[in-house]
Amino acid sequence: MKKDLLSISDLSKREFLSLLKKAQHLKKYPKKYHHALYEKTLMTYFQQPSLRTEVSFDVAMFQMGGEIIDYHAETSPWAKGKEALEDVAKVISRYCDIIMIRMPNHEDLVKFAKNASIPVINGLTSLEHPCQIVGDFLTILEKKKKLTNLKLAYVGDANNNVTHSLMLACALFGLDMSISCPALEEFLPQPSLVKQAKTIAQKTGVNITITANPREAAQNSDILYTDSFMSYHIPKSQEKRRVKLLKPFQVNQELIKYAKKNAIFMHCLPAKRGYEVTADVIDGKQSVVFDQAENRLHAQKAIILHLMHK
């Protein structure tokens, strides 16, 4: 039976650990996988901008001997409403071996996957970003040498795909997670995802908490994480207002003092220095953001191989 990766919840803890182990092996011994996907084709479809997701998937397939087809919304009859999503899924399944989709509407992604007979990877929706989090947890494992007895603090706009996927992953592995954002609905994580994460967290014995106090969230954290104030879907006209509301949640030298001395700083990128994080933090010795970015490549390889049973 084919498997998809649409959400972190599609992975059991055992499967997630297996992905991380595979990613570590791929990173250490890349040449062993040069022909792993010979004559296999991955299609990537983009309705939103991308740097790390697009390039890392392209390079992943090239380095494993496969082929990539980059397809963008501006040339797609599907995006223009000229062709049914269900029909597209069935057609692509006749051509390609696997597909990665980056689109805002998570429900459309789920519908596509239900009609596709090939594995479907969520390259980002408004609800989740599982590929990012697999790379993140690979980075945490590298830096902390463990995935238990840790606290991750997320500060900033928490109504986004990264926060949602982080909640599910932290709950699954047993990491405490403290989220700090303005106490307004537009910045709070989606209630359904919070409920899902807390249900998992009850079984693993950890806490998922939300506070409007960034210092409280950062206190004794092992990982301090933030994301952009202006996600791709946010209109430019809202920037001035959002920056004013979110500036108290900026990760700076004052806030990072509340974390543990050996805490690491993470950001999924793109970042805007002076907004969600100051330059001295993101470019400082505690920052691991470029290790994160690199690990997207190794995580992507592991995900593709996992879904294709390679």
C-alpha atoms as a PDB file:
ATOM      1  CA  MET A   1       0.000   0.000   0.000  1.00  0.00           C
ATOM      2  CA  LYS A   2       1.358   3.433  -0.926  1.00  0.00           C
ATOM      3  CA  LYS A   3       2.315   5.890   1.801  1.00  0.00           C
ATOM      4  CA  ASP A   4       2.141   9.678   1.769  1.00  0.00           C
ATOM      5  CA  LEU A   5       3.692  12.345   3.966  1.00  0.00           C
ATOM      6  CA  LEU A   6       1.044  15.019   4.318  1.00  0.00           C
ATOM      7  CA  SER A   7       1.397  15.584   8.055  1.00  0.00           C
ATOM      8  CA  ILE A   8       3.776  14.737  10.876  1.00  0.00           C
ATOM      9  CA  SER A   9       0.914  12.585  12.162  1.00  0.00           C
ATOM     10  CA  ASP A  10       1.446  10.289   9.154  1.00  0.00           C
ATOM     11  CA  LEU A  11       4.623   9.100  10.894  1.00  0.00           C
ATOM     12  CA  SER A  12       4.824   6.835  13.907  1.00  0.00           C
ATOM     13  CA  LYS A  13       7.678   7.498  16.314  1.00  0.00           C
ATOM     14  CA  ARG A  14       9.406   4.399  14.969  1.00  0.00           C
ATOM     15  CA  GLU A  15       9.059   5.598  11.370  1.00  0.00           C
ATOM     16  CA  PHE A  16      10.294   9.080  12.288  1.00  0.00           C
ATOM     17  CA  LEU A  17      13.353   7.643  14.041  1.00  0.00           C
ATOM     18  CA  SER A  18      13.994   5.425  11.029  1.00  0.00           C
ATOM     19  CA  LEU A  19      13.880   8.511   8.783  1.00  0.00           C
ATOM     20  CA  LEU A  20      16.418  10.286  10.985  1.00  0.00           C
ATOM     21  CA  LYS A  21      18.711   7.261  11.023  1.00  0.00           C
ATOM     22  CA  LYS A  22      18.467   6.991   7.233  1.00  0.00           C
ATOM     23  CA  ALA A  23      19.144  10.721   6.839  1.00  0.00           C
ATOM     24  CA  GLN A  24      22.260  10.433   9.019  1.00  0.00           C
ATOM     25  CA  HIS A  25      23.522   7.548   6.866  1.00  0.00           C
ATOM     26  CA  LEU A  26      22.770   9.453   3.660  1.00  0.00           C
ATOM     27  CA  LYS A  27      24.647  12.462   4.979  1.00  0.00           C
ATOM     28  CA  LYS A  28      27.681  10.396   5.958  1.00  0.00           C
ATOM     29  CA  TYR A  29      27.758   8.089   2.918  1.00  0.00           C
ATOM     30  CA  PRO A  30      26.097   9.953   0.012  1.00  0.00           C
ATOM     31  CA  LYS A  31      27.914   8.011  -2.698  1.00  0.00           C
ATOM     32  CA  LYS A  32      26.332   4.751  -1.569  1.00  0.00           C
ATOM     33  CA  TYR A  33      22.991   6.081  -2.838  1.00  0.00           C
ATOM     34  CA  HIS A  34      24.120   7.417  -6.239  1.00  0.00           C
ATOM     35  CA  HIS A  35      21.941   4.917  -8.132  1.00  0.00           C
ATOM     36  CA  ALA A  36      19.192   4.373  -5.536  1.00  0.00           C
ATOM     37  CA  LEU A  37      16.581   6.087  -7.726  1.00  0.00           C
ATOM     38  CA  TYR A  38      17.890   5.282 -11.200  1.00  0.00           C
ATOM     39  CA  GLU A  39      15.143   5.929 -13.803  1.00  0.00           C
ATOM     40  CA  LYS A  40      12.744   7.138 -11.094  1.00  0.00           C
ATOM     41  CA  THR A  41      10.981  10.479 -11.509  1.00  0.00           C
ATOM     42  CA  LEU A  42       9.871  13.001  -8.909  1.00  0.00           C
ATOM     43  CA  MET A  43       7.507  15.784  -9.934  1.00  0.00           C
ATOM     44  CA  THR A  44       7.537  18.942  -7.841  1.00  0.00           C
ATOM     45  CA  TYR A  45       4.572  21.309  -8.057  1.00  0.00           C
ATOM     46  CA  PHE A  46       4.703  24.852  -6.678  1.00  0.00           C
ATOM     47  CA  GLN A  47       1.871  27.286  -6.062  1.00  0.00           C
ATOM     48  CA  GLN A  48       4.040  29.291  -3.649  1.00  0.00           C
ATOM     49  CA  PRO A  49       7.631  30.595  -3.678  1.00  0.00           C
ATOM     50  CA  SER A  50      10.423  28.273  -2.594  1.00  0.00           C
ATOM     51  CA  LEU A  51      14.172  28.193  -2.192  1.00  0.00           C
ATOM     52  CA  ARG A  52      15.171  25.397   0.213  1.00  0.00           C
ATOM     53  CA  THR A  53      12.307  23.041  -0.642  1.00  0.00           C
ATOM     54  CA  GLU A  54      12.747  23.301  -4.402  1.00  0.00           C
ATOM     55  CA  VAL A  55      16.517  23.168  -4.518  1.00  0.00           C
ATOM     56  CA  SER A  56      16.890  20.444  -1.884  1.00  0.00           C
ATOM     57  CA  PHE A  57      14.424  18.135  -3.654  1.00  0.00           C
ATOM     58  CA  ASP A  58      16.090  18.790  -7.016  1.00  0.00           C
ATOM     59  CA  VAL A  59      19.548  18.063  -5.653  1.00  0.00           C
ATOM     60  CA  ALA A  60      18.287  15.037  -3.710  1.00  0.00           C
ATOM     61  CA  MET A  61      16.967  13.365  -6.841  1.00  0.00           C
ATOM     62  CA  PHE A  62      20.056  14.265  -8.883  1.00  0.00           C
ATOM     63  CA  GLN A  63      22.414  12.857  -6.251  1.00  0.00           C
ATOM     64  CA  MET A  64      20.421   9.613  -6.044  1.00  0.00           C
ATOM     65  CA  GLY A  65      20.347   9.082  -9.800  1.00  0.00           C
ATOM     66  CA  GLY A  66      16.721  10.067 -10.403  1.00  0.00           C
ATOM     67  CA  GLU A  67      15.026  12.687 -12.552  1.00  0.00           C
ATOM     68  CA  ILE A  68      13.119  15.790 -11.484  1.00  0.00           C
ATOM     69  CA  ILE A  69      10.244  17.595 -13.184  1.00  0.00           C
ATOM     70  CA  ASP A  70       9.703  21.091 -11.764  1.00  0.00           C
ATOM     71  CA  TYR A  71       6.170  22.285 -12.471  1.00  0.00           C
ATOM     72  CA  HIS A  72       4.867  25.669 -11.405  1.00  0.00           C
ATOM     73  CA  ALA A  73       1.360  27.039 -11.022  1.00  0.00           C
ATOM     74  CA  GLU A  74       1.806  29.805 -13.594  1.00  0.00           C
ATOM     75  CA  THR A  75       1.924  27.210 -16.390  1.00  0.00           C
ATOM     76  CA  SER A  76      -0.645  24.826 -14.940  1.00  0.00           C
ATOM     77  CA  PRO A  77      -4.247  24.462 -16.189  1.00  0.00           C
ATOM     78  CA  TRP A  78      -4.986  22.890 -12.803  1.00  0.00           C
ATOM     79  CA  ALA A  79      -4.168  26.108 -10.918  1.00  0.00           C
ATOM     80  CA  LYS A  80      -6.219  28.148 -13.407  1.00  0.00           C
ATOM     81  CA  GLY A  81      -9.296  26.010 -12.764  1.00  0.00           C
ATOM     82  CA  LYS A  82      -9.208  24.456 -16.240  1.00  0.00           C
ATOM     83  CA  GLU A  83      -8.752  20.890 -15.013  1.00  0.00           C
ATOM     84  CA  ALA A  84     -10.119  18.952 -12.058  1.00  0.00           C
ATOM     85  CA  LEU A  85      -7.633  18.252  -9.283  1.00  0.00           C
ATOM     86  CA  GLU A  86      -8.758  14.622  -9.159  1.00  0.00           C
ATOM     87  CA  ASP A  87      -7.981  14.190 -12.874  1.00  0.00           C
ATOM     88  CA  VAL A  88      -4.541  15.759 -12.466  1.00  0.00           C
ATOM     89  CA  ALA A  89      -3.691  13.353  -9.652  1.00  0.00           C
ATOM     90  CA  LYS A  90      -4.626  10.366 -11.793  1.00  0.00           C
ATOM     91  CA  VAL A  91      -2.701  11.618 -14.837  1.00  0.00           C
ATOM     92  CA  ILE A  92       0.487  12.428 -12.907  1.00  0.00           C
ATOM     93  CA  SER A  93       0.308   8.975 -11.310  1.00  0.00           C
ATOM     94  CA  ARG A  94       0.623   7.461 -14.819  1.00  0.00           C
ATOM     95  CA  TYR A  95       3.787   9.477 -15.567  1.00  0.00           C
ATOM     96  CA  CYS A  96       5.782   9.846 -12.349  1.00  0.00           C
ATOM     97  CA  ASP A  97       6.882   7.705  -9.434  1.00  0.00           C
ATOM     98  CA  ILE A  98       6.369  10.270  -6.654  1.00  0.00           C
ATOM     99  CA  ILE A  99       5.230  13.896  -6.320  1.00  0.00           C
ATOM    100  CA  MET A 100       5.968  16.763  -3.939  1.00  0.00           C
ATOM    101  CA  ILE A 101       3.362  19.539  -3.751  1.00  0.00           C
ATOM    102  CA  ARG A 102       3.718  23.030  -2.240  1.00  0.00           C
ATOM    103  CA  MET A 103       0.353  24.770  -2.046  1.00  0.00           C
ATOM    104  CA  PRO A 104      -1.600  26.854   0.481  1.00  0.00           C
ATOM    105  CA  ASN A 105      -4.756  24.736   0.698  1.00  0.00           C
ATOM    106  CA  HIS A 106      -4.166  21.640   2.818  1.00  0.00           C
ATOM    107  CA  GLU A 107      -7.560  20.168   1.945  1.00  0.00           C
ATOM    108  CA  ASP A 108      -6.645  20.243  -1.750  1.00  0.00           C
ATOM    109  CA  LEU A 109      -3.430  18.403  -0.970  1.00  0.00           C
ATOM    110  CA  VAL A 110      -5.370  15.700   0.883  1.00  0.00           C
ATOM    111  CA  LYS A 111      -7.808  15.413  -2.022  1.00  0.00           C
ATOM    112  CA  PHE A 112      -4.928  15.068  -4.480  1.00  0.00           C
ATOM    113  CA  ALA A 113      -3.354  12.313  -2.390  1.00  0.00           C
ATOM    114  CA  LYS A 114      -6.630  10.392  -2.225  1.00  0.00           C
ATOM    115  CA  ASN A 115      -6.797  10.340  -6.023  1.00  0.00           C
ATOM    116  CA  ALA A 116      -3.113   9.622  -6.661  1.00  0.00           C
ATOM    117  CA  SER A 117      -1.691   6.125  -6.845  1.00  0.00           C
ATOM    118  CA  ILE A 118       1.869   7.383  -6.212  1.00  0.00           C
ATOM    119  CA  PRO A 119       3.302   8.750  -2.940  1.00  0.00           C
ATOM    120  CA  VAL A 120       2.525  12.408  -2.235  1.00  0.00           C
ATOM    121  CA  ILE A 121       4.775  14.657  -0.153  1.00  0.00           C
ATOM    122  CA  ASN A 122       3.613  17.859   1.514  1.00  0.00           C
ATOM    123  CA  GLY A 123       6.228  20.463   0.568  1.00  0.00           C
ATOM    124  CA  LEU A 124       4.286  23.073   2.583  1.00  0.00           C
ATOM    125  CA  THR A 125       0.654  24.011   3.085  1.00  0.00           C
ATOM    126  CA  SER A 126      -0.887  26.654   5.308  1.00  0.00           C
ATOM    127  CA  LEU A 127      -1.474  23.922   7.910  1.00  0.00           C
ATOM    128  CA  GLU A 128       1.756  21.890   8.045  1.00  0.00           C
ATOM    129  CA  HIS A 129       5.365  21.667   6.865  1.00  0.00           C
ATOM    130  CA  PRO A 130       6.511  18.118   7.734  1.00  0.00           C
ATOM    131  CA  CYS A 131       9.630  18.129   5.527  1.00  0.00           C
ATOM    132  CA  GLN A 132      10.985  21.130   7.430  1.00  0.00           C
ATOM    133  CA  ILE A 133      10.456  19.434  10.765  1.00  0.00           C
ATOM    134  CA  VAL A 134      12.169  16.184   9.737  1.00  0.00           C
ATOM    135  CA  GLY A 135      15.221  18.288   8.860  1.00  0.00           C
ATOM    136  CA  ASP A 136      14.859  20.226  12.122  1.00  0.00           C
ATOM    137  CA  PHE A 137      14.792  17.091  14.246  1.00  0.00           C
ATOM    138  CA  LEU A 138      17.822  15.762  12.395  1.00  0.00           C
ATOM    139  CA  THR A 139      19.564  19.006  13.398  1.00  0.00           C
ATOM    140  CA  ILE A 140      18.410  18.761  17.032  1.00  0.00           C
ATOM    141  CA  LEU A 141      19.652  15.176  17.200  1.00  0.00           C
ATOM    142  CA  GLU A 142      23.035  16.238  15.796  1.00  0.00           C
ATOM    143  CA  LYS A 143      23.439  19.153  18.199  1.00  0.00           C
ATOM    144  CA  LYS A 144      21.897  17.699  21.369  1.00  0.00           C
ATOM    145  CA  LYS A 145      22.698  14.004  20.776  1.00  0.00           C
ATOM    146  CA  LYS A 146      19.204  13.119  21.958  1.00  0.00           C
ATOM    147  CA  LEU A 147      15.508  13.808  21.408  1.00  0.00           C
ATOM    148  CA  THR A 148      14.254  13.365  24.960  1.00  0.00           C
ATOM    149  CA  ASN A 149      14.354  15.522  28.112  1.00  0.00           C
ATOM    150  CA  LEU A 150      14.493  18.680  26.052  1.00  0.00           C
ATOM    151  CA  LYS A 151      12.416  21.848  25.913  1.00  0.00           C
ATOM    152  CA  LEU A 152      11.693  23.683  22.668  1.00  0.00           C
ATOM    153  CA  ALA A 153      10.447  27.273  22.890  1.00  0.00           C
ATOM    154  CA  TYR A 154       8.750  28.801  19.872  1.00  0.00           C
ATOM    155  CA  VAL A 155       8.334  32.605  19.911  1.00  0.00           C
ATOM    156  CA  GLY A 156       6.528  34.804  17.372  1.00  0.00           C
ATOM    157  CA  ASP A 157       3.640  34.255  14.976  1.00  0.00           C
ATOM    158  CA  ALA A 158       2.417  30.773  15.957  1.00  0.00           C
ATOM    159  CA  ASN A 159      -0.470  30.453  13.501  1.00  0.00           C
ATOM    160  CA  ASN A 160       1.656  28.792  10.859  1.00  0.00           C
ATOM    161  CA  ASN A 161       2.628  25.444   9.386  1.00  0.00           C
ATOM    162  CA  VAL A 162       5.990  25.194  11.163  1.00  0.00           C
ATOM    163  CA  THR A 163       4.496  25.694  14.626  1.00  0.00           C
ATOM    164  CA  HIS A 164       1.783  23.120  13.920  1.00  0.00           C
ATOM    165  CA  SER A 165       4.215  20.472  12.715  1.00  0.00           C
ATOM    166  CA  LEU A 166       6.641  21.241  15.551  1.00  0.00           C
ATOM    167  CA  MET A 167       3.866  20.696  18.105  1.00  0.00           C
ATOM    168  CA  LEU A 168       3.072  17.265  16.695  1.00  0.00           C
ATOM    169  CA  ALA A 169       6.725  16.242  16.499  1.00  0.00           C
ATOM    170  CA  CYS A 170       7.559  17.467  20.010  1.00  0.00           C
ATOM    171  CA  ALA A 171       4.556  15.624  21.416  1.00  0.00           C
ATOM    172  CA  LEU A 172       5.498  12.458  19.534  1.00  0.00           C
ATOM    173  CA  PHE A 173       9.118  12.418  20.754  1.00  0.00           C
ATOM    174  CA  GLY A 174       8.417  13.693  24.254  1.00  0.00           C
ATOM    175  CA  LEU A 175       9.835  17.216  24.101  1.00  0.00           C
ATOM    176  CA  ASP A 176       8.206  19.916  26.158  1.00  0.00           C
ATOM    177  CA  MET A 177       7.129  22.779  23.924  1.00  0.00           C
ATOM    178  CA  SER A 178       6.307  26.297  25.032  1.00  0.00           C
ATOM    179  CA  ILE A 179       4.745  28.664  22.502  1.00  0.00           C
ATOM    180  CA  SER A 180       4.660  32.426  22.979  1.00  0.00           C
ATOM    181  CA  CYS A 181       2.690  34.740  20.713  1.00  0.00           C
ATOM    182  CA  PRO A 182       0.225  37.617  20.962  1.00  0.00           C
ATOM    183  CA  ALA A 183      -3.064  36.572  22.547  1.00  0.00           C
ATOM    184  CA  LEU A 184      -4.993  37.208  19.345  1.00  0.00           C
ATOM    185  CA  GLU A 185      -6.646  34.548  17.197  1.00  0.00           C
ATOM    186  CA  GLU A 186      -4.661  35.487  14.094  1.00  0.00           C
ATOM    187  CA  PHE A 187      -1.373  34.639  15.846  1.00  0.00           C
ATOM    188  CA  LEU A 188      -2.430  31.588  17.868  1.00  0.00           C
ATOM    189  CA  PRO A 189      -1.896  28.040  16.551  1.00  0.00           C
ATOM    190  CA  GLN A 190      -4.990  26.350  15.132  1.00  0.00           C
ATOM    191  CA  PRO A 191      -7.106  24.864  17.974  1.00  0.00           C
ATOM    192  CA  SER A 192      -7.536  21.530  16.178  1.00  0.00           C
ATOM    193  CA  LEU A 193      -3.753  21.079  15.939  1.00  0.00           C
ATOM    194  CA  VAL A 194      -3.259  22.144  19.555  1.00  0.00           C
ATOM    195  CA  LYS A 195      -5.825  19.571  20.660  1.00  0.00           C
ATOM    196  CA  GLN A 196      -4.196  16.871  18.543  1.00  0.00           C
ATOM    197  CA  ALA A 197      -0.725  17.659  19.888  1.00  0.00           C
ATOM    198  CA  LYS A 198      -1.893  17.756  23.505  1.00  0.00           C
ATOM    199  CA  THR A 199      -3.612  14.388  23.105  1.00  0.00           C
ATOM    200  CA  ILE A 200      -0.318  12.874  21.940  1.00  0.00           C
ATOM    201  CA  ALA A 201       1.610  14.757  24.644  1.00  0.00           C
ATOM    202  CA  GLN A 202      -0.539  13.195  27.372  1.00  0.00           C
ATOM    203  CA  LYS A 203       0.680   9.781  26.248  1.00  0.00           C
ATOM    204  CA  THR A 204       4.342  10.819  26.133  1.00  0.00           C
ATOM    205  CA  GLY A 205       4.179  12.756  29.403  1.00  0.00           C
ATOM    206  CA  VAL A 206       5.158  16.204  28.164  1.00  0.00           C
ATOM    207  CA  ASN A 207       3.576  19.635  28.110  1.00  0.00           C
ATOM    208  CA  ILE A 208       2.471  21.816  25.194  1.00  0.00           C
ATOM    209  CA  THR A 209       1.861  25.283  26.617  1.00  0.00           C
ATOM    210  CA  ILE A 210       0.889  28.645  25.127  1.00  0.00           C
ATOM    211  CA  THR A 211       1.701  31.964  26.764  1.00  0.00           C
ATOM    212  CA  ALA A 212       1.789  35.632  25.824  1.00  0.00           C
ATOM    213  CA  ASN A 213       5.011  36.030  27.808  1.00  0.00           C
ATOM    214  CA  PRO A 214       8.086  35.272  25.635  1.00  0.00           C
ATOM    215  CA  ARG A 215      10.426  35.191  28.635  1.00  0.00           C
ATOM    216  CA  GLU A 216       8.291  32.541  30.287  1.00  0.00           C
ATOM    217  CA  ALA A 217       8.385  30.450  27.125  1.00  0.00           C
ATOM    218  CA  ALA A 218      12.159  30.822  26.688  1.00  0.00           C
ATOM    219  CA  GLN A 219      12.932  30.004  30.318  1.00  0.00           C
ATOM    220  CA  ASN A 220      15.306  26.987  30.571  1.00  0.00           C
ATOM    221  CA  SER A 221      14.741  26.046  26.932  1.00  0.00           C
ATOM    222  CA  ASP A 222      17.229  23.898  25.017  1.00  0.00           C
ATOM    223  CA  ILE A 223      16.004  25.122  21.634  1.00  0.00           C
ATOM    224  CA  LEU A 224      14.742  28.615  20.835  1.00  0.00           C
ATOM    225  CA  TYR A 225      12.847  28.735  17.535  1.00  0.00           C
ATOM    226  CA  THR A 226      11.163  31.483  15.537  1.00  0.00           C
ATOM    227  CA  ASP A 227       9.760  32.124  12.077  1.00  0.00           C
ATOM    228  CA  SER A 228       9.010  35.082   9.837  1.00  0.00           C
ATOM    229  CA  PHE A 229       6.575  37.796  10.894  1.00  0.00           C
ATOM    230  CA  MET A 230       5.351  37.839   7.283  1.00  0.00           C
ATOM    231  CA  SER A 231       4.544  34.364   5.961  1.00  0.00           C
ATOM    232  CA  TYR A 232       4.064  33.983   2.204  1.00  0.00           C
ATOM    233  CA  HIS A 233       0.279  34.364   2.377  1.00  0.00           C
ATOM    234  CA  ILE A 234       0.305  37.591   4.439  1.00  0.00           C
ATOM    235  CA  PRO A 235      -0.425  40.723   2.341  1.00  0.00           C
ATOM    236  CA  LYS A 236       2.268  43.409   2.363  1.00  0.00           C
ATOM    237  CA  SER A 237      -0.369  45.887   3.521  1.00  0.00           C
ATOM    238  CA  GLN A 238      -0.458  44.160   6.938  1.00  0.00           C
ATOM    239  CA  GLU A 239       3.285  44.369   7.555  1.00  0.00           C
ATOM    240  CA  LYS A 240       3.415  47.576   9.605  1.00  0.00           C
ATOM    241  CA  ARG A 241       0.631  46.437  11.952  1.00  0.00           C
ATOM    242  CA  ARG A 242       1.988  42.912  12.348  1.00  0.00           C
ATOM    243  CA  VAL A 243       5.526  44.071  13.077  1.00  0.00           C
ATOM    244  CA  LYS A 244       4.209  46.364  15.819  1.00  0.00           C
ATOM    245  CA  LEU A 245       2.259  43.530  17.448  1.00  0.00           C
ATOM    246  CA  LEU A 246       4.999  40.924  17.062  1.00  0.00           C
ATOM    247  CA  LYS A 247       8.096  43.020  17.901  1.00  0.00           C
ATOM    248  CA  PRO A 248       7.829  42.185  21.641  1.00  0.00           C
ATOM    249  CA  PHE A 249       8.315  38.533  20.586  1.00  0.00           C
ATOM    250  CA  GLN A 250      11.561  39.167  18.750  1.00  0.00           C
ATOM    251  CA  VAL A 251      14.396  36.757  19.547  1.00  0.00           C
ATOM    252  CA  ASN A 252      17.273  38.967  20.690  1.00  0.00           C
ATOM    253  CA  GLN A 253      20.182  38.805  23.122  1.00  0.00           C
ATOM    254  CA  GLU A 254      17.936  39.773  26.033  1.00  0.00           C
ATOM    255  CA  LEU A 255      15.471  36.949  25.348  1.00  0.00           C
ATOM    256  CA  ILE A 256      18.088  34.291  24.651  1.00  0.00           C
ATOM    257  CA  LYS A 257      19.519  34.832  28.155  1.00  0.00           C
ATOM    258  CA  TYR A 258      16.427  33.094  29.527  1.00  0.00           C
ATOM    259  CA  ALA A 259      17.278  29.914  27.625  1.00  0.00           C
ATOM    260  CA  LYS A 260      19.958  27.490  28.808  1.00  0.00           C
ATOM    261  CA  LYS A 261      23.557  28.555  28.203  1.00  0.00           C
ATOM    262  CA  ASN A 262      24.014  25.789  25.629  1.00  0.00           C
ATOM    263  CA  ALA A 263      20.680  26.442  23.907  1.00  0.00           C
ATOM    264  CA  ILE A 264      20.584  26.516  20.122  1.00  0.00           C
ATOM    265  CA  PHE A 265      18.705  29.008  17.989  1.00  0.00           C
ATOM    266  CA  MET A 266      16.646  27.713  15.046  1.00  0.00           C
ATOM    267  CA  HIS A 267      14.802  29.419  12.192  1.00  0.00           C
ATOM    268  CA  CYS A 268      13.315  27.690   9.143  1.00  0.00           C
ATOM    269  CA  LEU A 269      14.245  30.669   6.896  1.00  0.00           C
ATOM    270  CA  PRO A 270      13.780  32.994   5.105  1.00  0.00           C
ATOM    271  CA  ALA A 271      14.640  35.383   7.936  1.00  0.00           C
ATOM    272  CA  LYS A 272      14.491  39.153   8.187  1.00  0.00           C
ATOM    273  CA  ARG A 273      17.100  40.489  10.572  1.00  0.00           C
ATOM    274  CA  GLY A 274      15.731  43.175  12.843  1.00  0.00           C
ATOM    275  CA  TYR A 275      12.206  41.772  12.655  1.00  0.00           C
ATOM    276  CA  GLU A 276      11.661  38.325  14.217  1.00  0.00           C
ATOM    277  CA  VAL A 277      15.346  37.956  15.146  1.00  0.00           C
ATOM    278  CA  THR A 278      18.301  40.262  15.582  1.00  0.00           C
ATOM    279  CA  ALA A 279      21.435  39.845  13.492  1.00  0.00           C
ATOM    280  CA  ASP A 280      23.630  39.102  16.508  1.00  0.00           C
ATOM    281  CA  VAL A 281      21.461  36.069  17.352  1.00  0.00           C
ATOM    282  CA  ILE A 282      20.934  34.544  13.913  1.00  0.00           C
ATOM    283  CA  ASP A 283      24.602  35.114  13.004  1.00  0.00           C
ATOM    284  CA  GLY A 284      25.845  34.231  16.485  1.00  0.00           C
ATOM    285  CA  LYS A 285      27.492  31.111  17.884  1.00  0.00           C
ATOM    286  CA  GLN A 286      24.231  29.592  19.154  1.00  0.00           C
ATOM    287  CA  SER A 287      22.569  29.744  15.741  1.00  0.00           C
ATOM    288  CA  VAL A 288      22.248  26.514  13.740  1.00  0.00           C
ATOM    289  CA  VAL A 289      20.037  27.877  10.964  1.00  0.00           C
ATOM    290  CA  PHE A 290      22.357  26.954   8.103  1.00  0.00           C
ATOM    291  CA  ASP A 291      22.847  23.452   9.471  1.00  0.00           C
ATOM    292  CA  GLN A 292      19.050  23.269   9.452  1.00  0.00           C
ATOM    293  CA  ALA A 293      18.966  24.400   5.846  1.00  0.00           C
ATOM    294  CA  GLU A 294      21.575  21.843   4.788  1.00  0.00           C
ATOM    295  CA  ASN A 295      19.785  19.066   6.613  1.00  0.00           C
ATOM    296  CA  ARG A 296      16.705  19.640   4.479  1.00  0.00           C
ATOM    297  CA  LEU A 297      18.655  17.907   1.684  1.00  0.00           C
ATOM    298  CA  HIS A 298      19.443  14.804   3.723  1.00  0.00           C
ATOM    299  CA  ALA A 299      15.945  14.690   5.211  1.00  0.00           C
ATOM    300  CA  GLN A 300      14.372  15.008   1.754  1.00  0.00           C
ATOM    301  CA  LYS A 301      16.427  12.078   0.498  1.00  0.00           C
ATOM    302  CA  ALA A 302      15.333   9.947   3.451  1.00  0.00           C
ATOM    303  CA  ILE A 303      11.664  10.874   2.943  1.00  0.00           C
ATOM    304  CA  ILE A 304      11.721   9.969  -0.751  1.00  0.00           C
ATOM    305  CA  LEU A 305      13.418   6.625  -0.117  1.00  0.00           C
ATOM    306  CA  HIS A 306      11.029   5.846   2.747  1.00  0.00           C
ATOM    307  CA  LEU A 307       7.909   6.514   0.690  1.00  0.00           C
ATOM    308  CA  MET A 308       9.258   4.584  -2.275  1.00  0.00           C
ATOM    309  CA  HIS A 309      10.267   1.647  -0.059  1.00  0.00           C
ATOM    310  CA  LYS A 310      13.894   1.960  -1.111  1.00  0.00           C
END
